Amino acid sequence: MPRAIASAFVLCLVVGCSTSDSSTTPSPPMVIDITVSPQTLVLGSEGEWVTVHADISYSLVDAVTLMLNDVEVAVTKSDANGSLVAKFEVDSVKAIVHPPDATLVLEGVTRDGSTFRGSDIIRVTDNERHST
């Protein structure tokens, strides 16, 4: 019997053994570049979308997982290069930002279960005259 245990131990070392240890820490999210538009958000202005252009292939992304500072994504598509474009309702974003600036963080999960995140800083102003 000791020989069988030793063989199993060697097999685990060579092949790798799966454990059900829930204390393993998940890998950190992949960091991507994003650009938020508009770069200056005027709280008193009209508008429909805050758009995020992300440096990740649209085909890799599980679109329903996308969040911008806890605001759910409204529309997703790919740009001409196949990269992710995500749109968020402007009023929902306005509700979570304050002058003079805000760091917006896009988070999501890829189709294979990996997490990713990217951030961009935008200006936030109360009225049109401060938007230049």
C-alpha atoms as a PDB file:
ATOM      1  CA  MET A   1       0.000   0.000   0.000  1.00  0.00           C
ATOM      2  CA  PRO A   2       2.781   2.536   0.716  1.00  0.00           C
ATOM      3  CA  ARG A   3       4.023   2.037  -2.856  1.00  0.00           C
ATOM      4  CA  ALA A   4       0.544   2.939  -4.200  1.00  0.00           C
ATOM      5  CA  ILE A   5       0.473   6.112  -2.093  1.00  0.00           C
ATOM      6  CA  ALA A   6       3.955   7.073  -3.261  1.00  0.00           C
ATOM      7  CA  SER A   7       2.947   6.459  -6.898  1.00  0.00           C
ATOM      8  CA  ALA A   8      -0.138   8.628  -6.463  1.00  0.00           C
ATOM      9  CA  PHE A   9       1.981  11.389  -4.914  1.00  0.00           C
ATOM     10  CA  VAL A  10       4.446  11.308  -7.830  1.00  0.00           C
ATOM     11  CA  LEU A  11       1.564  11.343 -10.295  1.00  0.00           C
ATOM     12  CA  CYS A  12       0.139  14.445  -8.590  1.00  0.00           C
ATOM     13  CA  LEU A  13       3.509  16.162  -8.803  1.00  0.00           C
ATOM     14  CA  VAL A  14       3.947  15.365 -12.498  1.00  0.00           C
ATOM     15  CA  VAL A  15       0.395  15.826 -13.767  1.00  0.00           C
ATOM     16  CA  GLY A  16      -1.016  18.129 -11.108  1.00  0.00           C
ATOM     17  CA  CYS A  17      -3.815  17.332  -8.730  1.00  0.00           C
ATOM     18  CA  SER A  18      -7.054  19.219  -8.523  1.00  0.00           C
ATOM     19  CA  THR A  19      -8.262  20.119  -5.075  1.00  0.00           C
ATOM     20  CA  SER A  20     -11.529  21.552  -3.915  1.00  0.00           C
ATOM     21  CA  ASP A  21      -9.728  24.128  -1.767  1.00  0.00           C
ATOM     22  CA  SER A  22     -11.903  27.237  -1.924  1.00  0.00           C
ATOM     23  CA  SER A  23      -9.158  29.349  -0.368  1.00  0.00           C
ATOM     24  CA  THR A  24      -7.288  29.736  -3.648  1.00  0.00           C
ATOM     25  CA  THR A  25      -7.186  33.349  -4.667  1.00  0.00           C
ATOM     26  CA  PRO A  26      -8.494  34.242  -8.104  1.00  0.00           C
ATOM     27  CA  SER A  27      -5.997  35.654 -10.551  1.00  0.00           C
ATOM     28  CA  PRO A  28      -5.952  39.443 -10.800  1.00  0.00           C
ATOM     29  CA  PRO A  29      -7.952  40.980 -13.648  1.00  0.00           C
ATOM     30  CA  MET A  30      -6.274  41.603 -16.971  1.00  0.00           C
ATOM     31  CA  VAL A  31      -5.646  45.352 -17.331  1.00  0.00           C
ATOM     32  CA  ILE A  32      -6.833  46.914 -20.593  1.00  0.00           C
ATOM     33  CA  ASP A  33      -6.719  50.437 -21.987  1.00  0.00           C
ATOM     34  CA  ILE A  34     -10.022  52.291 -22.315  1.00  0.00           C
ATOM     35  CA  THR A  35     -11.065  55.698 -23.593  1.00  0.00           C
ATOM     36  CA  VAL A  36     -14.281  57.275 -22.329  1.00  0.00           C
ATOM     37  CA  SER A  37     -16.254  59.699 -24.458  1.00  0.00           C
ATOM     38  CA  PRO A  38     -17.119  62.435 -23.742  1.00  0.00           C
ATOM     39  CA  GLN A  39     -13.895  63.367 -21.972  1.00  0.00           C
ATOM     40  CA  THR A  40     -15.802  66.206 -20.262  1.00  0.00           C
ATOM     41  CA  LEU A  41     -19.189  65.293 -18.858  1.00  0.00           C
ATOM     42  CA  VAL A  42     -21.443  68.328 -18.354  1.00  0.00           C
ATOM     43  CA  LEU A  43     -24.005  67.441 -15.701  1.00  0.00           C
ATOM     44  CA  GLY A  44     -26.580  69.964 -16.957  1.00  0.00           C
ATOM     45  CA  SER A  45     -26.345  68.975 -20.621  1.00  0.00           C
ATOM     46  CA  GLU A  46     -28.487  66.758 -22.785  1.00  0.00           C
ATOM     47  CA  GLY A  47     -27.108  63.526 -24.116  1.00  0.00           C
ATOM     48  CA  GLU A  48     -27.835  59.866 -24.417  1.00  0.00           C
ATOM     49  CA  TRP A  49     -24.613  57.881 -23.997  1.00  0.00           C
ATOM     50  CA  VAL A  50     -21.270  57.633 -22.299  1.00  0.00           C
ATOM     51  CA  THR A  51     -19.227  55.509 -24.683  1.00  0.00           C
ATOM     52  CA  VAL A  52     -16.231  53.381 -23.768  1.00  0.00           C
ATOM     53  CA  HIS A  53     -13.761  52.224 -26.401  1.00  0.00           C
ATOM     54  CA  ALA A  54     -11.765  49.300 -25.019  1.00  0.00           C
ATOM     55  CA  ASP A  55      -8.543  47.689 -26.141  1.00  0.00           C
ATOM     56  CA  ILE A  56      -9.951  44.148 -26.063  1.00  0.00           C
ATOM     57  CA  SER A  57     -11.473  42.097 -28.850  1.00  0.00           C
ATOM     58  CA  TYR A  58     -15.261  42.257 -28.804  1.00  0.00           C
ATOM     59  CA  SER A  59     -15.421  38.550 -29.659  1.00  0.00           C
ATOM     60  CA  LEU A  60     -13.642  37.669 -26.382  1.00  0.00           C
ATOM     61  CA  VAL A  61     -16.057  39.564 -24.111  1.00  0.00           C
ATOM     62  CA  ASP A  62     -19.153  38.264 -22.333  1.00  0.00           C
ATOM     63  CA  ALA A  63     -21.031  41.514 -22.977  1.00  0.00           C
ATOM     64  CA  VAL A  64     -23.679  41.076 -20.262  1.00  0.00           C
ATOM     65  CA  THR A  65     -20.959  41.230 -17.574  1.00  0.00           C
ATOM     66  CA  LEU A  66     -19.823  44.758 -18.457  1.00  0.00           C
ATOM     67  CA  MET A  67     -20.116  47.407 -15.758  1.00  0.00           C
ATOM     68  CA  LEU A  68     -18.877  50.991 -15.586  1.00  0.00           C
ATOM     69  CA  ASN A  69     -18.566  51.905 -11.888  1.00  0.00           C
ATOM     70  CA  ASP A  70     -21.533  49.597 -11.169  1.00  0.00           C
ATOM     71  CA  VAL A  71     -23.607  51.007 -14.051  1.00  0.00           C
ATOM     72  CA  GLU A  72     -24.861  48.219 -16.324  1.00  0.00           C
ATOM     73  CA  VAL A  73     -24.020  48.302 -20.001  1.00  0.00           C
ATOM     74  CA  ALA A  74     -26.858  49.294 -22.355  1.00  0.00           C
ATOM     75  CA  VAL A  75     -25.361  48.607 -25.803  1.00  0.00           C
ATOM     76  CA  THR A  76     -22.279  46.771 -27.049  1.00  0.00           C
ATOM     77  CA  LYS A  77     -20.724  46.407 -30.465  1.00  0.00           C
ATOM     78  CA  SER A  78     -17.372  46.106 -32.161  1.00  0.00           C
ATOM     79  CA  ASP A  79     -15.548  48.928 -33.870  1.00  0.00           C
ATOM     80  CA  ALA A  80     -13.905  48.667 -37.302  1.00  0.00           C
ATOM     81  CA  ASN A  81     -10.882  46.953 -35.702  1.00  0.00           C
ATOM     82  CA  GLY A  82     -12.995  44.367 -33.859  1.00  0.00           C
ATOM     83  CA  SER A  83     -12.453  46.011 -30.467  1.00  0.00           C
ATOM     84  CA  LEU A  84     -15.141  46.430 -27.820  1.00  0.00           C
ATOM     85  CA  VAL A  85     -17.347  49.522 -27.770  1.00  0.00           C
ATOM     86  CA  ALA A  86     -19.720  49.755 -24.802  1.00  0.00           C
ATOM     87  CA  LYS A  87     -22.418  52.373 -24.258  1.00  0.00           C
ATOM     88  CA  PHE A  88     -23.865  53.381 -20.898  1.00  0.00           C
ATOM     89  CA  GLU A  89     -26.897  55.583 -20.291  1.00  0.00           C
ATOM     90  CA  VAL A  90     -25.598  59.090 -19.595  1.00  0.00           C
ATOM     91  CA  ASP A  91     -28.068  59.819 -16.780  1.00  0.00           C
ATOM     92  CA  SER A  92     -26.930  56.697 -14.901  1.00  0.00           C
ATOM     93  CA  VAL A  93     -23.306  57.792 -15.180  1.00  0.00           C
ATOM     94  CA  LYS A  94     -24.139  61.394 -14.204  1.00  0.00           C
ATOM     95  CA  ALA A  95     -25.731  60.036 -11.018  1.00  0.00           C
ATOM     96  CA  ILE A  96     -22.410  58.587  -9.815  1.00  0.00           C
ATOM     97  CA  VAL A  97     -19.931  61.352 -10.717  1.00  0.00           C
ATOM     98  CA  HIS A  98     -19.122  64.741  -9.205  1.00  0.00           C
ATOM     99  CA  PRO A  99     -16.999  67.729 -10.290  1.00  0.00           C
ATOM    100  CA  PRO A 100     -14.174  68.306 -10.939  1.00  0.00           C
ATOM    101  CA  ASP A 101     -13.305  64.828 -12.274  1.00  0.00           C
ATOM    102  CA  ALA A 102     -14.155  61.152 -12.066  1.00  0.00           C
ATOM    103  CA  THR A 103     -12.302  57.909 -12.580  1.00  0.00           C
ATOM    104  CA  LEU A 104     -14.491  55.570 -14.592  1.00  0.00           C
ATOM    105  CA  VAL A 105     -13.641  51.872 -14.386  1.00  0.00           C
ATOM    106  CA  LEU A 106     -14.863  49.343 -16.940  1.00  0.00           C
ATOM    107  CA  GLU A 107     -14.997  45.790 -15.598  1.00  0.00           C
ATOM    108  CA  GLY A 108     -16.086  42.581 -17.243  1.00  0.00           C
ATOM    109  CA  VAL A 109     -15.517  38.905 -17.873  1.00  0.00           C
ATOM    110  CA  THR A 110     -14.288  37.195 -21.003  1.00  0.00           C
ATOM    111  CA  ARG A 111     -16.093  34.240 -22.532  1.00  0.00           C
ATOM    112  CA  ASP A 112     -13.502  31.922 -20.960  1.00  0.00           C
ATOM    113  CA  GLY A 113     -14.143  33.338 -17.461  1.00  0.00           C
ATOM    114  CA  SER A 114     -11.143  35.653 -17.080  1.00  0.00           C
ATOM    115  CA  THR A 115     -11.785  39.081 -15.605  1.00  0.00           C
ATOM    116  CA  PHE A 116     -10.562  42.369 -17.045  1.00  0.00           C
ATOM    117  CA  ARG A 117     -10.663  46.032 -16.115  1.00  0.00           C
ATOM    118  CA  GLY A 118      -9.578  49.395 -17.439  1.00  0.00           C
ATOM    119  CA  SER A 119      -9.942  52.968 -16.257  1.00  0.00           C
ATOM    120  CA  ASP A 120     -10.015  56.500 -17.611  1.00  0.00           C
ATOM    121  CA  ILE A 121     -10.310  59.876 -15.898  1.00  0.00           C
ATOM    122  CA  ILE A 122     -12.811  62.379 -17.264  1.00  0.00           C
ATOM    123  CA  ARG A 123     -13.607  65.969 -16.325  1.00  0.00           C
ATOM    124  CA  VAL A 124     -16.996  66.600 -14.731  1.00  0.00           C
ATOM    125  CA  THR A 125     -18.569  70.071 -14.677  1.00  0.00           C
ATOM    126  CA  ASP A 126     -21.908  71.526 -13.636  1.00  0.00           C
ATOM    127  CA  ASN A 127     -22.498  73.680 -16.697  1.00  0.00           C
ATOM    128  CA  GLU A 128     -21.515  74.380 -20.315  1.00  0.00           C
ATOM    129  CA  ARG A 129     -19.217  77.340 -19.661  1.00  0.00           C
ATOM    130  CA  HIS A 130     -16.747  75.134 -17.764  1.00  0.00           C
ATOM    131  CA  SER A 131     -16.558  72.432 -20.414  1.00  0.00           C
ATOM    132  CA  THR A 132     -13.669  73.835 -22.476  1.00  0.00           C
END
